[in-house]
N, C-alpha and C. Protein backbone atom coordinates (compact mmCIF):
# COMPACT_ATOMS: atom_id res chain seq x y z
N MET A 1 -30.46 -0.44 33.21
CA MET A 1 -29.57 0.64 33.57
C MET A 1 -30.13 1.95 33.00
N LYS A 2 -30.14 2.99 33.82
CA LYS A 2 -30.61 4.31 33.39
C LYS A 2 -29.47 5.07 32.73
N ILE A 3 -29.78 5.66 31.58
CA ILE A 3 -28.76 6.27 30.73
C ILE A 3 -29.07 7.73 30.45
N ALA A 4 -28.00 8.54 30.41
CA ALA A 4 -28.06 9.89 29.84
C ALA A 4 -27.21 9.85 28.58
N ILE A 5 -27.70 10.47 27.54
CA ILE A 5 -26.95 10.58 26.28
C ILE A 5 -26.43 12.00 26.16
N TYR A 6 -25.16 12.11 25.77
CA TYR A 6 -24.58 13.43 25.50
C TYR A 6 -24.09 13.47 24.06
N THR A 7 -24.52 14.49 23.33
CA THR A 7 -24.08 14.69 21.95
C THR A 7 -23.61 16.13 21.80
N ARG A 8 -22.73 16.33 20.82
CA ARG A 8 -22.22 17.68 20.58
C ARG A 8 -21.79 17.83 19.13
N ILE A 9 -22.11 18.99 18.58
CA ILE A 9 -21.57 19.40 17.29
C ILE A 9 -20.95 20.78 17.48
N SER A 10 -20.05 21.15 16.58
CA SER A 10 -19.34 22.43 16.72
C SER A 10 -20.04 23.59 16.02
N LYS A 11 -20.76 23.29 14.95
CA LYS A 11 -21.34 24.36 14.13
C LYS A 11 -22.78 24.04 13.79
N ASP A 12 -23.56 25.09 13.58
CA ASP A 12 -24.97 24.93 13.22
C ASP A 12 -25.16 24.20 11.90
N GLU A 13 -24.16 24.24 11.00
CA GLU A 13 -24.28 23.56 9.72
C GLU A 13 -24.23 22.04 9.87
N GLN A 14 -23.69 21.58 10.99
CA GLN A 14 -23.62 20.14 11.25
C GLN A 14 -24.95 19.67 11.85
N THR A 15 -25.09 18.36 11.98
CA THR A 15 -26.33 17.83 12.53
C THR A 15 -26.04 16.84 13.66
N LEU A 16 -26.91 16.82 14.64
CA LEU A 16 -26.81 15.89 15.76
C LEU A 16 -27.49 14.56 15.47
N ASP A 17 -28.23 14.49 14.37
CA ASP A 17 -29.09 13.34 14.08
C ASP A 17 -28.37 12.00 14.15
N THR A 18 -27.22 11.87 13.51
CA THR A 18 -26.49 10.60 13.48
C THR A 18 -26.08 10.18 14.88
N GLN A 19 -25.52 11.12 15.64
CA GLN A 19 -25.10 10.81 17.00
C GLN A 19 -26.27 10.34 17.86
N ILE A 20 -27.34 11.10 17.82
CA ILE A 20 -28.50 10.77 18.65
C ILE A 20 -29.09 9.43 18.25
N GLN A 21 -29.26 9.22 16.96
CA GLN A 21 -29.86 7.97 16.47
C GLN A 21 -29.01 6.76 16.87
N GLU A 22 -27.71 6.83 16.67
CA GLU A 22 -26.85 5.70 16.99
C GLU A 22 -26.78 5.44 18.50
N CYS A 23 -26.77 6.49 19.29
CA CYS A 23 -26.77 6.31 20.75
C CYS A 23 -28.07 5.70 21.23
N ARG A 24 -29.19 6.16 20.68
CA ARG A 24 -30.50 5.58 21.05
C ARG A 24 -30.57 4.11 20.66
N GLU A 25 -30.12 3.79 19.45
CA GLU A 25 -30.15 2.41 18.97
C GLU A 25 -29.26 1.52 19.84
N PHE A 26 -28.09 2.01 20.20
CA PHE A 26 -27.16 1.30 21.07
C PHE A 26 -27.85 0.96 22.40
N CYS A 27 -28.50 1.94 22.98
CA CYS A 27 -29.19 1.73 24.26
C CYS A 27 -30.36 0.75 24.12
N LYS A 28 -31.13 0.91 23.07
CA LYS A 28 -32.26 0.02 22.83
C LYS A 28 -31.80 -1.43 22.70
N ASN A 29 -30.72 -1.67 21.95
CA ASN A 29 -30.22 -3.02 21.73
C ASN A 29 -29.72 -3.68 23.01
N ARG A 30 -29.37 -2.90 24.01
CA ARG A 30 -28.87 -3.43 25.27
C ARG A 30 -29.90 -3.39 26.39
N GLY A 31 -31.07 -2.88 26.09
CA GLY A 31 -32.13 -2.81 27.08
C GLY A 31 -31.94 -1.70 28.10
N TYR A 32 -31.15 -0.68 27.74
CA TYR A 32 -30.92 0.46 28.63
C TYR A 32 -32.09 1.44 28.53
N GLU A 33 -32.42 2.07 29.63
CA GLU A 33 -33.48 3.07 29.68
C GLU A 33 -32.87 4.47 29.57
N ILE A 34 -33.21 5.19 28.53
CA ILE A 34 -32.72 6.57 28.36
C ILE A 34 -33.61 7.48 29.19
N VAL A 35 -33.00 8.16 30.16
CA VAL A 35 -33.77 9.05 31.03
C VAL A 35 -33.56 10.53 30.71
N ARG A 36 -32.41 10.87 30.10
CA ARG A 36 -32.15 12.25 29.72
C ARG A 36 -31.25 12.29 28.50
N GLU A 37 -31.39 13.35 27.72
CA GLU A 37 -30.51 13.60 26.58
C GLU A 37 -30.03 15.04 26.66
N PHE A 38 -28.75 15.23 26.43
CA PHE A 38 -28.13 16.54 26.47
C PHE A 38 -27.39 16.76 25.16
N SER A 39 -27.61 17.91 24.51
CA SER A 39 -26.98 18.18 23.22
C SER A 39 -26.47 19.62 23.17
N ASP A 40 -25.19 19.77 22.85
CA ASP A 40 -24.59 21.09 22.71
C ASP A 40 -24.24 21.37 21.26
N VAL A 41 -24.36 22.64 20.89
CA VAL A 41 -23.83 23.14 19.62
C VAL A 41 -22.80 24.19 20.00
N ILE A 42 -21.56 23.71 20.17
CA ILE A 42 -20.49 24.57 20.66
C ILE A 42 -19.16 23.86 20.41
N SER A 43 -18.11 24.62 20.31
CA SER A 43 -16.78 24.04 20.10
C SER A 43 -16.40 23.14 21.28
N GLY A 44 -15.78 22.04 20.96
CA GLY A 44 -15.31 21.12 21.99
C GLY A 44 -14.15 21.66 22.78
N THR A 45 -13.54 22.74 22.32
CA THR A 45 -12.43 23.33 23.06
C THR A 45 -12.91 24.05 24.32
N LYS A 46 -14.20 24.31 24.39
CA LYS A 46 -14.78 24.96 25.56
C LYS A 46 -15.02 23.91 26.65
N GLU A 47 -14.38 24.09 27.79
CA GLU A 47 -14.59 23.13 28.87
C GLU A 47 -15.95 23.30 29.50
N SER A 48 -16.45 24.53 29.52
CA SER A 48 -17.78 24.79 30.04
C SER A 48 -18.73 24.93 28.85
N ARG A 49 -19.71 24.05 28.80
CA ARG A 49 -20.72 24.06 27.74
C ARG A 49 -22.08 23.95 28.42
N PRO A 50 -23.09 24.67 27.95
CA PRO A 50 -24.38 24.70 28.65
C PRO A 50 -24.96 23.31 28.97
N GLN A 51 -25.06 22.45 27.98
CA GLN A 51 -25.66 21.14 28.21
C GLN A 51 -24.72 20.19 28.97
N LEU A 52 -23.43 20.32 28.74
CA LEU A 52 -22.47 19.52 29.51
C LEU A 52 -22.54 19.91 30.98
N ASP A 53 -22.66 21.20 31.25
CA ASP A 53 -22.78 21.66 32.64
C ASP A 53 -24.04 21.09 33.29
N LEU A 54 -25.15 21.06 32.55
CA LEU A 54 -26.39 20.46 33.09
C LEU A 54 -26.22 18.96 33.30
N LEU A 55 -25.53 18.30 32.37
CA LEU A 55 -25.25 16.87 32.51
C LEU A 55 -24.46 16.60 33.78
N MET A 56 -23.44 17.41 34.03
CA MET A 56 -22.62 17.22 35.22
C MET A 56 -23.45 17.42 36.48
N LYS A 57 -24.30 18.43 36.52
CA LYS A 57 -25.15 18.67 37.69
C LYS A 57 -26.10 17.50 37.91
N ALA A 58 -26.68 16.98 36.83
CA ALA A 58 -27.59 15.84 36.94
C ALA A 58 -26.84 14.59 37.41
N SER A 59 -25.59 14.45 36.98
CA SER A 59 -24.82 13.28 37.39
C SER A 59 -24.51 13.34 38.89
N PHE A 60 -24.27 14.52 39.41
CA PHE A 60 -23.99 14.66 40.83
C PHE A 60 -25.23 14.33 41.67
N LYS A 61 -26.42 14.43 41.05
CA LYS A 61 -27.67 14.06 41.72
C LYS A 61 -28.01 12.59 41.51
N LYS A 62 -27.14 11.89 40.76
CA LYS A 62 -27.30 10.45 40.48
C LYS A 62 -28.63 10.17 39.76
N GLU A 63 -28.94 10.98 38.75
CA GLU A 63 -30.18 10.82 37.99
C GLU A 63 -30.10 9.65 37.00
N PHE A 64 -28.90 9.11 36.78
CA PHE A 64 -28.71 8.01 35.84
C PHE A 64 -27.50 7.21 36.28
N ASP A 65 -27.32 6.04 35.65
CA ASP A 65 -26.23 5.13 36.02
C ASP A 65 -25.02 5.25 35.10
N ALA A 66 -25.23 5.75 33.89
CA ALA A 66 -24.15 5.83 32.91
C ALA A 66 -24.45 6.93 31.90
N VAL A 67 -23.38 7.42 31.28
CA VAL A 67 -23.49 8.40 30.20
C VAL A 67 -22.99 7.73 28.93
N VAL A 68 -23.79 7.84 27.87
CA VAL A 68 -23.43 7.29 26.56
C VAL A 68 -23.12 8.44 25.62
N VAL A 69 -21.98 8.33 24.94
CA VAL A 69 -21.61 9.29 23.90
C VAL A 69 -21.33 8.52 22.62
N TRP A 70 -21.41 9.22 21.51
CA TRP A 70 -21.18 8.61 20.21
C TRP A 70 -19.70 8.38 19.95
N LYS A 71 -18.88 9.38 20.30
CA LYS A 71 -17.45 9.35 20.04
C LYS A 71 -16.75 10.12 21.16
N LEU A 72 -15.55 9.71 21.52
CA LEU A 72 -14.83 10.33 22.64
C LEU A 72 -14.68 11.83 22.49
N ASP A 73 -14.38 12.30 21.28
CA ASP A 73 -14.14 13.73 21.11
C ASP A 73 -15.41 14.58 21.19
N ARG A 74 -16.57 13.94 21.26
CA ARG A 74 -17.81 14.69 21.47
C ARG A 74 -17.90 15.15 22.92
N LEU A 75 -17.27 14.41 23.82
CA LEU A 75 -17.31 14.77 25.24
C LEU A 75 -16.13 15.66 25.61
N GLY A 76 -14.92 15.21 25.33
CA GLY A 76 -13.74 15.98 25.69
C GLY A 76 -12.79 16.09 24.52
N ARG A 77 -12.35 17.29 24.23
CA ARG A 77 -11.43 17.49 23.10
C ARG A 77 -9.98 17.26 23.50
N THR A 78 -9.71 17.30 24.81
CA THR A 78 -8.37 16.99 25.28
C THR A 78 -8.46 15.78 26.20
N LEU A 79 -7.40 15.03 26.26
CA LEU A 79 -7.35 13.87 27.13
C LEU A 79 -7.56 14.27 28.59
N LYS A 80 -6.92 15.37 28.97
CA LYS A 80 -7.04 15.85 30.35
C LYS A 80 -8.49 16.13 30.71
N HIS A 81 -9.20 16.81 29.84
CA HIS A 81 -10.60 17.14 30.10
C HIS A 81 -11.47 15.89 30.15
N LEU A 82 -11.27 14.99 29.21
CA LEU A 82 -12.03 13.74 29.17
C LEU A 82 -11.83 12.93 30.44
N VAL A 83 -10.58 12.76 30.84
CA VAL A 83 -10.27 11.99 32.05
C VAL A 83 -10.86 12.66 33.29
N SER A 84 -10.79 13.97 33.34
CA SER A 84 -11.36 14.70 34.47
C SER A 84 -12.86 14.45 34.60
N ILE A 85 -13.58 14.52 33.49
CA ILE A 85 -15.04 14.28 33.51
C ILE A 85 -15.34 12.86 33.95
N VAL A 86 -14.69 11.89 33.35
CA VAL A 86 -14.97 10.49 33.67
C VAL A 86 -14.60 10.18 35.12
N ASN A 87 -13.53 10.77 35.61
CA ASN A 87 -13.16 10.57 37.02
C ASN A 87 -14.18 11.18 37.97
N GLN A 88 -14.75 12.33 37.61
CA GLN A 88 -15.81 12.93 38.43
C GLN A 88 -17.02 12.01 38.48
N TRP A 89 -17.37 11.43 37.34
CA TRP A 89 -18.51 10.50 37.32
C TRP A 89 -18.23 9.27 38.18
N ALA A 90 -17.00 8.78 38.13
CA ALA A 90 -16.65 7.58 38.88
C ALA A 90 -16.88 7.78 40.37
N VAL A 91 -16.64 8.98 40.87
CA VAL A 91 -16.88 9.28 42.29
C VAL A 91 -18.34 9.03 42.65
N TYR A 92 -19.24 9.29 41.71
CA TYR A 92 -20.68 9.13 41.94
C TYR A 92 -21.21 7.78 41.44
N GLY A 93 -20.30 6.92 41.02
CA GLY A 93 -20.71 5.60 40.55
C GLY A 93 -21.36 5.60 39.18
N ILE A 94 -21.05 6.61 38.38
CA ILE A 94 -21.63 6.72 37.04
C ILE A 94 -20.61 6.25 36.01
N ASP A 95 -21.03 5.34 35.17
CA ASP A 95 -20.16 4.78 34.14
C ASP A 95 -20.19 5.61 32.87
N PHE A 96 -19.19 5.38 32.04
CA PHE A 96 -19.03 6.10 30.78
C PHE A 96 -18.97 5.07 29.66
N ILE A 97 -19.81 5.26 28.64
CA ILE A 97 -19.86 4.33 27.52
C ILE A 97 -19.77 5.12 26.22
N CYS A 98 -18.85 4.70 25.36
CA CYS A 98 -18.68 5.32 24.05
C CYS A 98 -19.11 4.32 22.98
N VAL A 99 -20.07 4.70 22.18
CA VAL A 99 -20.68 3.81 21.20
C VAL A 99 -19.70 3.34 20.12
N THR A 100 -18.96 4.26 19.52
CA THR A 100 -18.15 3.91 18.35
C THR A 100 -16.72 3.51 18.66
N GLN A 101 -16.27 3.73 19.89
CA GLN A 101 -14.87 3.48 20.19
C GLN A 101 -14.66 2.49 21.34
N SER A 102 -15.66 1.73 21.64
CA SER A 102 -15.58 0.61 22.59
C SER A 102 -14.99 0.95 23.95
N PHE A 103 -15.37 2.09 24.49
CA PHE A 103 -15.03 2.40 25.87
C PHE A 103 -16.28 2.16 26.69
N ASP A 104 -16.15 1.40 27.76
CA ASP A 104 -17.29 1.09 28.62
C ASP A 104 -16.77 0.85 30.02
N THR A 105 -16.82 1.86 30.87
CA THR A 105 -16.30 1.70 32.23
C THR A 105 -17.26 0.91 33.11
N HIS A 106 -18.33 0.40 32.52
CA HIS A 106 -19.27 -0.46 33.24
C HIS A 106 -18.70 -1.88 33.39
N THR A 107 -17.72 -2.22 32.56
CA THR A 107 -17.12 -3.55 32.59
C THR A 107 -15.69 -3.47 33.14
N PRO A 108 -15.19 -4.55 33.74
CA PRO A 108 -13.81 -4.55 34.23
C PRO A 108 -12.79 -4.27 33.12
N ASN A 109 -12.98 -4.88 31.96
CA ASN A 109 -12.06 -4.63 30.84
C ASN A 109 -12.11 -3.18 30.39
N GLY A 110 -13.30 -2.61 30.36
CA GLY A 110 -13.45 -1.22 29.97
C GLY A 110 -12.78 -0.28 30.95
N LYS A 111 -12.91 -0.58 32.25
CA LYS A 111 -12.24 0.24 33.27
C LYS A 111 -10.73 0.18 33.08
N LEU A 112 -10.21 -1.00 32.87
CA LEU A 112 -8.77 -1.17 32.66
C LEU A 112 -8.32 -0.40 31.42
N LEU A 113 -9.05 -0.56 30.33
CA LEU A 113 -8.69 0.12 29.09
C LEU A 113 -8.71 1.63 29.27
N PHE A 114 -9.70 2.15 29.97
CA PHE A 114 -9.77 3.59 30.19
C PHE A 114 -8.59 4.07 31.03
N HIS A 115 -8.23 3.32 32.07
CA HIS A 115 -7.11 3.71 32.92
C HIS A 115 -5.79 3.67 32.13
N LEU A 116 -5.63 2.70 31.27
CA LEU A 116 -4.44 2.65 30.42
C LEU A 116 -4.41 3.84 29.47
N PHE A 117 -5.55 4.11 28.88
CA PHE A 117 -5.69 5.26 27.98
C PHE A 117 -5.34 6.55 28.71
N ALA A 118 -5.87 6.72 29.91
CA ALA A 118 -5.63 7.93 30.69
C ALA A 118 -4.17 8.06 31.09
N ALA A 119 -3.52 6.92 31.36
CA ALA A 119 -2.11 6.95 31.77
C ALA A 119 -1.20 7.41 30.64
N ILE A 120 -1.59 7.10 29.43
CA ILE A 120 -0.78 7.49 28.27
C ILE A 120 -0.89 8.98 28.06
């Protein structure tokens, strides 16, 4: 499976290293091929972020099969925003996988869990 990794930190004093390393290790352990990595240094309250915008454009071109993030709040700071992004990916057949919080829309259980989460 071809993977894009998305990481984000809010401030320059923070580091992306842990997120990137754990996402890469997660992919390696499952035999996933990392084809792109996107990293933002910007507040998660911003719905438009430079690297997230590039990630979305690449997803619409179907450059990968799934997006891996370290933690849910790295992608979307609000439930509405998170669900919106994942639903856009679903239209293009792109799955969403969260390393630390066991979300994986690639599996039937993961899809169900995400839909329950979104409904709440």
